[in-house]
């Protein structure tokens, strides 16, 4: 192993954000702090809490921990007036008149069923101004965290999608530093991931997946939305949690999951659809409203809309 190799200093998250909106910077830095603390708890909190979330899913201990951690940190910034989460029945609000403050909708621990198998996990955040719920078109910013071999933050800075990684050695150990800027989905799609039991897919979803397989796209599905989506973002392709027989609105929550990721996808040159139109054009009537979603390379998303319009 080589020693004594001096690595060039890289731009830190704080330095990078100092050139942008100071309120958004406070939110991003709070999420970064929470992500670091949550990553440190992953080896220790692996049990079930015994409760259920707002959608009726069983809660892991880490679900509750991450929800409270991020909600507290976000409200402590002084710029967030409301935090909504799939782990809570109602949103938490700061005291006072904060109708024009930032609001954050979050999935604090995406893929918690993967805890016991040591598979990737994530966190998803959508940032709006004003009270929730709102459409994805009104999003100000979005961020997701990936807890994998690396701890990474992916978010928009203006119209550019960036990734920061936590350094684990060297003089910048413990800091998030710039890893990629101006991320863009590759033109040629390579991978796909489709959620839900295959036996419950509708015929038109089954037909579309067969066409992907025939074109040689490789299946990437690990049970964590963000883990699977990362493959699409860097390799091109599509991720979907589609309409299902008996569940026409799919599973993913618009505010907490599909709208923030669709927002970042569009900025990275991709697109999203429910099968009828962009996920970003949904105006949720409830915080936990769900909708089918297909997110990824623009050409594949357009193909879905064309195929679905003929059925």
C-alpha atoms as a PDB file:
ATOM      1  CA  UNK A   1       0.000   0.000   0.000  1.00  0.00           C
ATOM      2  CA  UNK A   2       1.315   3.401  -0.961  1.00  0.00           C
ATOM      3  CA  UNK A   3       1.866   5.906   1.835  1.00  0.00           C
ATOM      4  CA  UNK A   4       2.712   9.573   1.925  1.00  0.00           C
ATOM      5  CA  UNK A   5       0.607  10.390  -1.160  1.00  0.00           C
ATOM      6  CA  UNK A   6      -0.790  13.903  -0.806  1.00  0.00           C
ATOM      7  CA  UNK A   7      -4.313  14.179  -2.128  1.00  0.00           C
ATOM      8  CA  UNK A   8      -5.543  17.514  -3.483  1.00  0.00           C
ATOM      9  CA  UNK A   9      -7.986  19.368  -1.244  1.00  0.00           C
ATOM     10  CA  UNK A  10     -11.577  19.157  -2.473  1.00  0.00           C
ATOM     11  CA  UNK A  11     -14.456  21.622  -2.195  1.00  0.00           C
ATOM     12  CA  UNK A  12     -16.471  21.076   0.969  1.00  0.00           C
ATOM     13  CA  UNK A  13     -20.247  21.189   1.226  1.00  0.00           C
ATOM     14  CA  UNK A  14     -20.131  24.372   3.314  1.00  0.00           C
ATOM     15  CA  UNK A  15     -17.880  26.127   0.808  1.00  0.00           C
ATOM     16  CA  UNK A  16     -20.025  25.059  -2.121  1.00  0.00           C
ATOM     17  CA  UNK A  17     -23.286  26.176  -0.528  1.00  0.00           C
ATOM     18  CA  UNK A  18     -21.904  29.562   0.519  1.00  0.00           C
ATOM     19  CA  UNK A  19     -22.544  30.780  -3.031  1.00  0.00           C
ATOM     20  CA  UNK A  20     -26.246  29.888  -3.017  1.00  0.00           C
ATOM     21  CA  UNK A  21     -29.502  30.569  -1.188  1.00  0.00           C
ATOM     22  CA  UNK A  22     -28.640  30.792   2.552  1.00  0.00           C
ATOM     23  CA  UNK A  23     -31.965  29.266   3.648  1.00  0.00           C
ATOM     24  CA  UNK A  24     -31.592  26.250   1.365  1.00  0.00           C
ATOM     25  CA  UNK A  25     -27.995  25.927   2.571  1.00  0.00           C
ATOM     26  CA  UNK A  26     -29.211  25.645   6.175  1.00  0.00           C
ATOM     27  CA  UNK A  27     -31.624  22.871   5.180  1.00  0.00           C
ATOM     28  CA  UNK A  28     -28.969  20.963   3.222  1.00  0.00           C
ATOM     29  CA  UNK A  29     -26.454  21.248   6.069  1.00  0.00           C
ATOM     30  CA  UNK A  30     -29.039  20.018   8.587  1.00  0.00           C
ATOM     31  CA  UNK A  31     -29.744  16.987   6.389  1.00  0.00           C
ATOM     32  CA  UNK A  32     -26.013  16.335   6.032  1.00  0.00           C
ATOM     33  CA  UNK A  33     -25.588  16.394   9.816  1.00  0.00           C
ATOM     34  CA  UNK A  34     -28.537  14.046  10.248  1.00  0.00           C
ATOM     35  CA  UNK A  35     -27.221  11.667   7.580  1.00  0.00           C
ATOM     36  CA  UNK A  36     -23.850  11.405   9.340  1.00  0.00           C
ATOM     37  CA  UNK A  37     -25.494  10.725  12.683  1.00  0.00           C
ATOM     38  CA  UNK A  38     -27.918   8.205  11.191  1.00  0.00           C
ATOM     39  CA  UNK A  39     -25.099   6.370   9.394  1.00  0.00           C
ATOM     40  CA  UNK A  40     -23.377   6.016  12.763  1.00  0.00           C
ATOM     41  CA  UNK A  41     -26.480   4.344  14.224  1.00  0.00           C
ATOM     42  CA  UNK A  42     -26.947   1.798  11.432  1.00  0.00           C
ATOM     43  CA  UNK A  43     -24.874  -0.955  13.134  1.00  0.00           C
ATOM     44  CA  UNK A  44     -26.718  -0.626  16.431  1.00  0.00           C
ATOM     45  CA  UNK A  45     -30.451  -0.097  15.844  1.00  0.00           C
ATOM     46  CA  UNK A  46     -31.644  -3.080  13.840  1.00  0.00           C
ATOM     47  CA  UNK A  47     -34.871  -4.071  15.607  1.00  0.00           C
ATOM     48  CA  UNK A  48     -38.545  -3.304  15.079  1.00  0.00           C
ATOM     49  CA  UNK A  49     -40.242  -0.482  16.955  1.00  0.00           C
ATOM     50  CA  UNK A  50     -43.599  -2.273  17.137  1.00  0.00           C
ATOM     51  CA  UNK A  51     -45.646   0.500  15.533  1.00  0.00           C
ATOM     52  CA  UNK A  52     -46.787   1.339  12.014  1.00  0.00           C
ATOM     53  CA  UNK A  53     -46.356   4.437   9.883  1.00  0.00           C
ATOM     54  CA  UNK A  54     -49.051   6.558   8.233  1.00  0.00           C
ATOM     55  CA  UNK A  55     -49.364   4.006   5.396  1.00  0.00           C
ATOM     56  CA  UNK A  56     -49.688   0.998   7.694  1.00  0.00           C
ATOM     57  CA  UNK A  57     -46.146  -0.326   7.187  1.00  0.00           C
ATOM     58  CA  UNK A  58     -44.335  -1.816  10.176  1.00  0.00           C
ATOM     59  CA  UNK A  59     -41.757   0.589  11.624  1.00  0.00           C
ATOM     60  CA  UNK A  60     -38.175  -0.357  12.333  1.00  0.00           C
ATOM     61  CA  UNK A  61     -36.433   1.252  15.293  1.00  0.00           C
ATOM     62  CA  UNK A  62     -34.334   3.199  12.795  1.00  0.00           C
ATOM     63  CA  UNK A  63     -37.484   4.517  11.093  1.00  0.00           C
ATOM     64  CA  UNK A  64     -38.522   6.223  14.315  1.00  0.00           C
ATOM     65  CA  UNK A  65     -34.982   7.366  15.131  1.00  0.00           C
ATOM     66  CA  UNK A  66     -34.362   8.854  11.686  1.00  0.00           C
ATOM     67  CA  UNK A  67     -37.751  10.575  11.599  1.00  0.00           C
ATOM     68  CA  UNK A  68     -37.225  12.308  14.938  1.00  0.00           C
ATOM     69  CA  UNK A  69     -33.606  13.135  14.127  1.00  0.00           C
ATOM     70  CA  UNK A  70     -34.282  14.838  10.797  1.00  0.00           C
ATOM     71  CA  UNK A  71     -37.485  16.555  11.959  1.00  0.00           C
ATOM     72  CA  UNK A  72     -35.711  18.077  14.964  1.00  0.00           C
ATOM     73  CA  UNK A  73     -32.685  19.211  12.951  1.00  0.00           C
ATOM     74  CA  UNK A  74     -34.814  20.758  10.203  1.00  0.00           C
ATOM     75  CA  UNK A  75     -37.081  22.688  12.562  1.00  0.00           C
ATOM     76  CA  UNK A  76     -34.025  23.900  14.510  1.00  0.00           C
ATOM     77  CA  UNK A  77     -32.688  25.661  11.402  1.00  0.00           C
ATOM     78  CA  UNK A  78     -35.163  28.485  11.958  1.00  0.00           C
ATOM     79  CA  UNK A  79     -36.048  28.569   8.242  1.00  0.00           C
ATOM     80  CA  UNK A  80     -38.316  25.489   8.131  1.00  0.00           C
ATOM     81  CA  UNK A  81     -41.901  26.000   9.220  1.00  0.00           C
ATOM     82  CA  UNK A  82     -43.287  22.521   8.522  1.00  0.00           C
ATOM     83  CA  UNK A  83     -41.936  18.973   8.295  1.00  0.00           C
ATOM     84  CA  UNK A  84     -44.077  16.164   6.893  1.00  0.00           C
ATOM     85  CA  UNK A  85     -42.970  12.543   6.872  1.00  0.00           C
ATOM     86  CA  UNK A  86     -44.345   9.175   5.874  1.00  0.00           C
ATOM     87  CA  UNK A  87     -43.620   8.113   9.459  1.00  0.00           C
ATOM     88  CA  UNK A  88     -46.095  10.649  10.905  1.00  0.00           C
ATOM     89  CA  UNK A  89     -49.865  10.969  10.596  1.00  0.00           C
ATOM     90  CA  UNK A  90     -49.680  14.785  10.628  1.00  0.00           C
ATOM     91  CA  UNK A  91     -46.895  17.237   9.952  1.00  0.00           C
ATOM     92  CA  UNK A  92     -44.830  18.962  12.624  1.00  0.00           C
ATOM     93  CA  UNK A  93     -44.840  22.748  12.564  1.00  0.00           C
ATOM     94  CA  UNK A  94     -42.663  25.438  14.062  1.00  0.00           C
ATOM     95  CA  UNK A  95     -44.283  27.902  16.442  1.00  0.00           C
ATOM     96  CA  UNK A  96     -45.538  31.233  15.150  1.00  0.00           C
ATOM     97  CA  UNK A  97     -46.796  32.362  11.758  1.00  0.00           C
ATOM     98  CA  UNK A  98     -44.642  30.371   9.333  1.00  0.00           C
ATOM     99  CA  UNK A  99     -46.971  30.064   6.325  1.00  0.00           C
ATOM    100  CA  UNK A 100     -44.294  31.466   4.006  1.00  0.00           C
ATOM    101  CA  UNK A 101     -41.372  29.528   5.486  1.00  0.00           C
ATOM    102  CA  UNK A 102     -39.794  26.501   3.840  1.00  0.00           C
ATOM    103  CA  UNK A 103     -41.589  23.158   4.203  1.00  0.00           C
ATOM    104  CA  UNK A 104     -39.899  19.778   3.934  1.00  0.00           C
ATOM    105  CA  UNK A 105     -41.559  16.471   3.042  1.00  0.00           C
ATOM    106  CA  UNK A 106     -39.369  13.445   3.666  1.00  0.00           C
ATOM    107  CA  UNK A 107     -38.942   9.723   3.654  1.00  0.00           C
ATOM    108  CA  UNK A 108     -36.396   9.668   6.489  1.00  0.00           C
ATOM    109  CA  UNK A 109     -35.315   6.068   5.914  1.00  0.00           C
ATOM    110  CA  UNK A 110     -36.081   4.626   2.498  1.00  0.00           C
ATOM    111  CA  UNK A 111     -35.839   0.831   2.320  1.00  0.00           C
ATOM    112  CA  UNK A 112     -35.793   0.009   6.031  1.00  0.00           C
ATOM    113  CA  UNK A 113     -36.727  -3.600   5.191  1.00  0.00           C
ATOM    114  CA  UNK A 114     -33.126  -3.872   3.939  1.00  0.00           C
ATOM    115  CA  UNK A 115     -31.637  -3.240   7.380  1.00  0.00           C
ATOM    116  CA  UNK A 116     -31.345  -6.907   8.330  1.00  0.00           C
ATOM    117  CA  UNK A 117     -29.745  -7.844   4.990  1.00  0.00           C
ATOM    118  CA  UNK A 118     -27.192  -4.979   5.064  1.00  0.00           C
ATOM    119  CA  UNK A 119     -28.381  -3.655   1.708  1.00  0.00           C
ATOM    120  CA  UNK A 120     -28.324   0.041   0.683  1.00  0.00           C
ATOM    121  CA  UNK A 121     -30.671   2.490   2.374  1.00  0.00           C
ATOM    122  CA  UNK A 122     -31.642   6.067   1.582  1.00  0.00           C
ATOM    123  CA  UNK A 123     -33.361   9.251   2.738  1.00  0.00           C
ATOM    124  CA  UNK A 124     -35.432  11.536   0.478  1.00  0.00           C
ATOM    125  CA  UNK A 125     -36.288  15.220   0.970  1.00  0.00           C
ATOM    126  CA  UNK A 126     -38.457  17.634  -0.993  1.00  0.00           C
ATOM    127  CA  UNK A 127     -38.293  21.344  -0.142  1.00  0.00           C
ATOM    128  CA  UNK A 128     -41.164  23.725  -0.867  1.00  0.00           C
ATOM    129  CA  UNK A 129     -42.007  27.274   0.196  1.00  0.00           C
ATOM    130  CA  UNK A 130     -45.351  27.495   1.974  1.00  0.00           C
ATOM    131  CA  UNK A 131     -47.683  24.941   3.466  1.00  0.00           C
ATOM    132  CA  UNK A 132     -48.004  21.355   2.240  1.00  0.00           C
ATOM    133  CA  UNK A 133     -49.249  19.574   0.200  1.00  0.00           C
ATOM    134  CA  UNK A 134     -48.102  21.167  -3.067  1.00  0.00           C
ATOM    135  CA  UNK A 135     -47.318  19.915  -6.552  1.00  0.00           C
ATOM    136  CA  UNK A 136     -43.854  18.856  -7.616  1.00  0.00           C
ATOM    137  CA  UNK A 137     -43.724  21.828  -9.997  1.00  0.00           C
ATOM    138  CA  UNK A 138     -43.601  24.081  -6.929  1.00  0.00           C
ATOM    139  CA  UNK A 139     -40.510  22.359  -5.510  1.00  0.00           C
ATOM    140  CA  UNK A 140     -37.655  24.684  -4.616  1.00  0.00           C
ATOM    141  CA  UNK A 141     -35.037  21.980  -4.081  1.00  0.00           C
ATOM    142  CA  UNK A 142     -34.656  18.282  -3.381  1.00  0.00           C
ATOM    143  CA  UNK A 143     -32.021  15.998  -1.927  1.00  0.00           C
ATOM    144  CA  UNK A 144     -31.516  12.305  -1.347  1.00  0.00           C
ATOM    145  CA  UNK A 145     -28.977  10.494   0.789  1.00  0.00           C
ATOM    146  CA  UNK A 146     -27.498   7.080   0.019  1.00  0.00           C
ATOM    147  CA  UNK A 147     -26.164   4.885   2.830  1.00  0.00           C
ATOM    148  CA  UNK A 148     -24.019   2.336   1.010  1.00  0.00           C
ATOM    149  CA  UNK A 149     -20.293   1.657   0.642  1.00  0.00           C
ATOM    150  CA  UNK A 150     -20.113   5.468   0.609  1.00  0.00           C
ATOM    151  CA  UNK A 151     -22.280   8.038   2.375  1.00  0.00           C
ATOM    152  CA  UNK A 152     -23.408  10.429  -0.353  1.00  0.00           C
ATOM    153  CA  UNK A 153     -25.695  13.430  -0.790  1.00  0.00           C
ATOM    154  CA  UNK A 154     -27.310  14.145  -4.159  1.00  0.00           C
ATOM    155  CA  UNK A 155     -29.145  17.451  -4.614  1.00  0.00           C
ATOM    156  CA  UNK A 156     -29.765  20.343  -6.935  1.00  0.00           C
ATOM    157  CA  UNK A 157     -27.805  23.568  -6.742  1.00  0.00           C
ATOM    158  CA  UNK A 158     -29.858  25.848  -8.911  1.00  0.00           C
ATOM    159  CA  UNK A 159     -30.421  23.882 -12.118  1.00  0.00           C
ATOM    160  CA  UNK A 160     -27.422  21.583 -11.640  1.00  0.00           C
ATOM    161  CA  UNK A 161     -27.509  18.178  -9.935  1.00  0.00           C
ATOM    162  CA  UNK A 162     -24.510  17.542  -7.670  1.00  0.00           C
ATOM    163  CA  UNK A 163     -23.162  14.737  -5.522  1.00  0.00           C
ATOM    164  CA  UNK A 164     -21.089  15.033  -2.361  1.00  0.00           C
ATOM    165  CA  UNK A 165     -19.364  12.154  -0.584  1.00  0.00           C
ATOM    166  CA  UNK A 166     -18.246  11.911   3.041  1.00  0.00           C
ATOM    167  CA  UNK A 167     -14.483  11.533   3.325  1.00  0.00           C
ATOM    168  CA  UNK A 168     -13.405   8.755   5.680  1.00  0.00           C
ATOM    169  CA  UNK A 169      -9.644   9.250   5.679  1.00  0.00           C
ATOM    170  CA  UNK A 170      -7.094  12.006   5.249  1.00  0.00           C
ATOM    171  CA  UNK A 171      -7.137  15.651   6.364  1.00  0.00           C
ATOM    172  CA  UNK A 172     -10.760  16.114   5.237  1.00  0.00           C
ATOM    173  CA  UNK A 173     -12.062  13.044   7.051  1.00  0.00           C
ATOM    174  CA  UNK A 174     -15.631  13.557   8.262  1.00  0.00           C
ATOM    175  CA  UNK A 175     -16.378  16.291   5.722  1.00  0.00           C
ATOM    176  CA  UNK A 176     -18.647  16.076   2.691  1.00  0.00           C
ATOM    177  CA  UNK A 177     -16.698  17.004  -0.440  1.00  0.00           C
ATOM    178  CA  UNK A 178     -17.725  17.528  -4.059  1.00  0.00           C
ATOM    179  CA  UNK A 179     -17.673  14.301  -6.072  1.00  0.00           C
ATOM    180  CA  UNK A 180     -19.699  15.232  -9.177  1.00  0.00           C
ATOM    181  CA  UNK A 181     -21.362  18.329 -10.590  1.00  0.00           C
ATOM    182  CA  UNK A 182     -23.749  18.734 -13.511  1.00  0.00           C
ATOM    183  CA  UNK A 183     -24.871  15.087 -13.366  1.00  0.00           C
ATOM    184  CA  UNK A 184     -26.766  14.045 -16.506  1.00  0.00           C
ATOM    185  CA  UNK A 185     -28.520  10.761 -17.308  1.00  0.00           C
ATOM    186  CA  UNK A 186     -26.653   8.867 -20.055  1.00  0.00           C
ATOM    187  CA  UNK A 187     -28.368   8.858 -23.441  1.00  0.00           C
ATOM    188  CA  UNK A 188     -28.212   5.072 -23.830  1.00  0.00           C
ATOM    189  CA  UNK A 189     -30.231   3.268 -21.137  1.00  0.00           C
ATOM    190  CA  UNK A 190     -28.596   0.252 -19.491  1.00  0.00           C
ATOM    191  CA  UNK A 191     -30.702  -0.762 -16.484  1.00  0.00           C
ATOM    192  CA  UNK A 192     -34.252  -0.982 -15.182  1.00  0.00           C
ATOM    193  CA  UNK A 193     -35.974  -1.703 -11.887  1.00  0.00           C
ATOM    194  CA  UNK A 194     -39.716  -2.327 -11.553  1.00  0.00           C
ATOM    195  CA  UNK A 195     -41.420  -2.661  -8.168  1.00  0.00           C
ATOM    196  CA  UNK A 196     -44.412  -4.695  -7.078  1.00  0.00           C
ATOM    197  CA  UNK A 197     -45.084  -8.409  -7.450  1.00  0.00           C
ATOM    198  CA  UNK A 198     -44.787  -9.379 -11.095  1.00  0.00           C
ATOM    199  CA  UNK A 199     -47.979 -11.430 -10.915  1.00  0.00           C
ATOM    200  CA  UNK A 200     -49.826  -8.203 -10.017  1.00  0.00           C
ATOM    201  CA  UNK A 201     -48.470  -6.120 -12.892  1.00  0.00           C
ATOM    202  CA  UNK A 202     -51.094  -4.985 -15.369  1.00  0.00           C
ATOM    203  CA  UNK A 203     -50.774  -6.372 -18.935  1.00  0.00           C
ATOM    204  CA  UNK A 204     -49.393  -3.104 -20.297  1.00  0.00           C
ATOM    205  CA  UNK A 205     -46.692  -2.947 -17.607  1.00  0.00           C
ATOM    206  CA  UNK A 206     -45.763  -6.582 -18.301  1.00  0.00           C
ATOM    207  CA  UNK A 207     -45.576  -5.825 -22.022  1.00  0.00           C
ATOM    208  CA  UNK A 208     -43.280  -2.835 -21.450  1.00  0.00           C
ATOM    209  CA  UNK A 209     -40.930  -4.835 -19.205  1.00  0.00           C
ATOM    210  CA  UNK A 210     -40.679  -7.607 -21.794  1.00  0.00           C
ATOM    211  CA  UNK A 211     -39.642  -4.982 -24.333  1.00  0.00           C
ATOM    212  CA  UNK A 212     -36.887  -3.767 -21.996  1.00  0.00           C
ATOM    213  CA  UNK A 213     -35.624  -7.315 -21.529  1.00  0.00           C
ATOM    214  CA  UNK A 214     -35.653  -7.871 -25.280  1.00  0.00           C
ATOM    215  CA  UNK A 215     -33.440  -4.799 -25.714  1.00  0.00           C
ATOM    216  CA  UNK A 216     -30.877  -6.142 -23.260  1.00  0.00           C
ATOM    217  CA  UNK A 217     -31.462  -3.770 -20.364  1.00  0.00           C
ATOM    218  CA  UNK A 218     -30.242  -5.329 -17.114  1.00  0.00           C
ATOM    219  CA  UNK A 219     -32.497  -5.716 -14.085  1.00  0.00           C
ATOM    220  CA  UNK A 220     -31.421  -3.781 -10.991  1.00  0.00           C
ATOM    221  CA  UNK A 221     -33.892  -4.071  -8.119  1.00  0.00           C
ATOM    222  CA  UNK A 222     -32.800  -4.235  -4.496  1.00  0.00           C
ATOM    223  CA  UNK A 223     -35.846  -3.091  -2.517  1.00  0.00           C
ATOM    224  CA  UNK A 224     -34.639   0.468  -1.848  1.00  0.00           C
ATOM    225  CA  UNK A 225     -35.965   3.171  -4.148  1.00  0.00           C
ATOM    226  CA  UNK A 226     -32.832   5.299  -3.833  1.00  0.00           C
ATOM    227  CA  UNK A 227     -30.471   2.338  -4.169  1.00  0.00           C
ATOM    228  CA  UNK A 228     -32.153   1.327  -7.427  1.00  0.00           C
ATOM    229  CA  UNK A 229     -32.563   4.883  -8.666  1.00  0.00           C
ATOM    230  CA  UNK A 230     -28.826   5.551  -8.279  1.00  0.00           C
ATOM    231  CA  UNK A 231     -28.233   2.886 -10.924  1.00  0.00           C
ATOM    232  CA  UNK A 232     -30.588   4.681 -13.318  1.00  0.00           C
ATOM    233  CA  UNK A 233     -29.097   8.119 -12.649  1.00  0.00           C
ATOM    234  CA  UNK A 234     -25.559   7.029 -13.423  1.00  0.00           C
ATOM    235  CA  UNK A 235     -26.184   4.347 -16.069  1.00  0.00           C
ATOM    236  CA  UNK A 236     -29.381   5.452 -17.763  1.00  0.00           C
ATOM    237  CA  UNK A 237     -32.627   3.510 -17.820  1.00  0.00           C
ATOM    238  CA  UNK A 238     -35.832   3.554 -15.826  1.00  0.00           C
ATOM    239  CA  UNK A 239     -37.156   2.892 -12.345  1.00  0.00           C
ATOM    240  CA  UNK A 240     -40.848   2.331 -11.737  1.00  0.00           C
ATOM    241  CA  UNK A 241     -43.312   1.458  -9.052  1.00  0.00           C
ATOM    242  CA  UNK A 242     -46.222   0.965 -11.441  1.00  0.00           C
ATOM    243  CA  UNK A 243     -49.944   0.570 -11.242  1.00  0.00           C
ATOM    244  CA  UNK A 244     -50.797  -2.888  -9.944  1.00  0.00           C
ATOM    245  CA  UNK A 245     -53.862  -5.073 -10.176  1.00  0.00           C
ATOM    246  CA  UNK A 246     -55.832  -4.137  -7.063  1.00  0.00           C
ATOM    247  CA  UNK A 247     -53.570  -1.130  -6.408  1.00  0.00           C
ATOM    248  CA  UNK A 248     -53.982   1.264  -9.362  1.00  0.00           C
ATOM    249  CA  UNK A 249     -52.183   4.107  -7.571  1.00  0.00           C
ATOM    250  CA  UNK A 250     -49.037   2.118  -6.866  1.00  0.00           C
ATOM    251  CA  UNK A 251     -47.150   2.445  -3.596  1.00  0.00           C
ATOM    252  CA  UNK A 252     -44.750   5.404  -3.648  1.00  0.00           C
ATOM    253  CA  UNK A 253     -45.875   8.599  -1.927  1.00  0.00           C
ATOM    254  CA  UNK A 254     -45.839  11.640  -4.203  1.00  0.00           C
ATOM    255  CA  UNK A 255     -44.608  14.213  -1.676  1.00  0.00           C
ATOM    256  CA  UNK A 256     -42.187  12.004   0.204  1.00  0.00           C
ATOM    257  CA  UNK A 257     -40.668   9.984  -2.619  1.00  0.00           C
ATOM    258  CA  UNK A 258     -41.616  10.289  -6.271  1.00  0.00           C
ATOM    259  CA  UNK A 259     -41.923  14.085  -6.675  1.00  0.00           C
ATOM    260  CA  UNK A 260     -38.492  14.982  -5.186  1.00  0.00           C
ATOM    261  CA  UNK A 261     -36.745  12.286  -7.224  1.00  0.00           C
ATOM    262  CA  UNK A 262     -38.662  13.270 -10.374  1.00  0.00           C
ATOM    263  CA  UNK A 263     -37.607  16.875  -9.807  1.00  0.00           C
ATOM    264  CA  UNK A 264     -33.919  15.930  -9.687  1.00  0.00           C
ATOM    265  CA  UNK A 265     -34.353  13.594 -12.657  1.00  0.00           C
ATOM    266  CA  UNK A 266     -35.762  16.357 -14.825  1.00  0.00           C
ATOM    267  CA  UNK A 267     -32.852  18.639 -13.922  1.00  0.00           C
ATOM    268  CA  UNK A 268     -30.505  15.805 -14.903  1.00  0.00           C
ATOM    269  CA  UNK A 269     -32.051  15.559 -18.355  1.00  0.00           C
ATOM    270  CA  UNK A 270     -34.546  12.787 -17.620  1.00  0.00           C
ATOM    271  CA  UNK A 271     -38.286  12.704 -17.122  1.00  0.00           C
ATOM    272  CA  UNK A 272     -41.123  11.126 -15.151  1.00  0.00           C
ATOM    273  CA  UNK A 273     -44.696  10.027 -15.729  1.00  0.00           C
ATOM    274  CA  UNK A 274     -47.642   8.394 -14.043  1.00  0.00           C
ATOM    275  CA  UNK A 275     -48.484   6.885 -17.425  1.00  0.00           C
ATOM    276  CA  UNK A 276     -50.610   9.902 -18.276  1.00  0.00           C
ATOM    277  CA  UNK A 277     -48.388  12.879 -17.454  1.00  0.00           C
ATOM    278  CA  UNK A 278     -45.478  14.068 -15.343  1.00  0.00           C
ATOM    279  CA  UNK A 279     -45.325  13.131 -11.667  1.00  0.00           C
ATOM    280  CA  UNK A 280     -44.485  16.796 -11.066  1.00  0.00           C
ATOM    281  CA  UNK A 281     -47.928  17.855 -12.295  1.00  0.00           C
ATOM    282  CA  UNK A 282     -49.782  15.915  -9.599  1.00  0.00           C
ATOM    283  CA  UNK A 283     -51.511  18.167  -7.052  1.00  0.00           C
ATOM    284  CA  UNK A 284     -51.788  15.904  -3.981  1.00  0.00           C
ATOM    285  CA  UNK A 285     -54.831  16.373  -1.833  1.00  0.00           C
ATOM    286  CA  UNK A 286     -53.273  14.477   1.086  1.00  0.00           C
ATOM    287  CA  UNK A 287     -49.748  14.262   2.489  1.00  0.00           C
ATOM    288  CA  UNK A 288     -49.480  10.506   1.954  1.00  0.00           C
ATOM    289  CA  UNK A 289     -51.156  10.371  -1.481  1.00  0.00           C
ATOM    290  CA  UNK A 290     -49.671   7.761  -3.815  1.00  0.00           C
ATOM    291  CA  UNK A 291     -49.449   7.504  -7.591  1.00  0.00           C
ATOM    292  CA  UNK A 292     -47.823   5.130 -10.082  1.00  0.00           C
ATOM    293  CA  UNK A 293     -44.473   6.488 -11.222  1.00  0.00           C
ATOM    294  CA  UNK A 294     -41.969   5.785 -13.993  1.00  0.00           C
ATOM    295  CA  UNK A 295     -38.756   7.794 -13.651  1.00  0.00           C
ATOM    296  CA  UNK A 296     -35.616   7.862 -15.778  1.00  0.00           C
ATOM    297  CA  UNK A 297     -34.366   8.375 -19.309  1.00  0.00           C
ATOM    298  CA  UNK A 298     -36.592  10.716 -21.289  1.00  0.00           C
ATOM    299  CA  UNK A 299     -36.936   8.380 -24.273  1.00  0.00           C
ATOM    300  CA  UNK A 300     -38.211   5.474 -22.145  1.00  0.00           C
ATOM    301  CA  UNK A 301     -40.644   7.697 -20.253  1.00  0.00           C
ATOM    302  CA  UNK A 302     -42.060   8.981 -23.548  1.00  0.00           C
ATOM    303  CA  UNK A 303     -42.372   5.399 -24.752  1.00  0.00           C
ATOM    304  CA  UNK A 304     -44.441   4.477 -21.691  1.00  0.00           C
ATOM    305  CA  UNK A 305     -46.857   7.322 -22.310  1.00  0.00           C
ATOM    306  CA  UNK A 306     -47.200   6.333 -25.965  1.00  0.00           C
ATOM    307  CA  UNK A 307     -47.758   2.661 -25.098  1.00  0.00           C
ATOM    308  CA  UNK A 308     -50.265   3.444 -22.362  1.00  0.00           C
ATOM    309  CA  UNK A 309     -52.227   5.842 -24.538  1.00  0.00           C
ATOM    310  CA  UNK A 310     -52.947   2.997 -27.005  1.00  0.00           C
ATOM    311  CA  UNK A 311     -54.416   0.665 -24.340  1.00  0.00           C
END
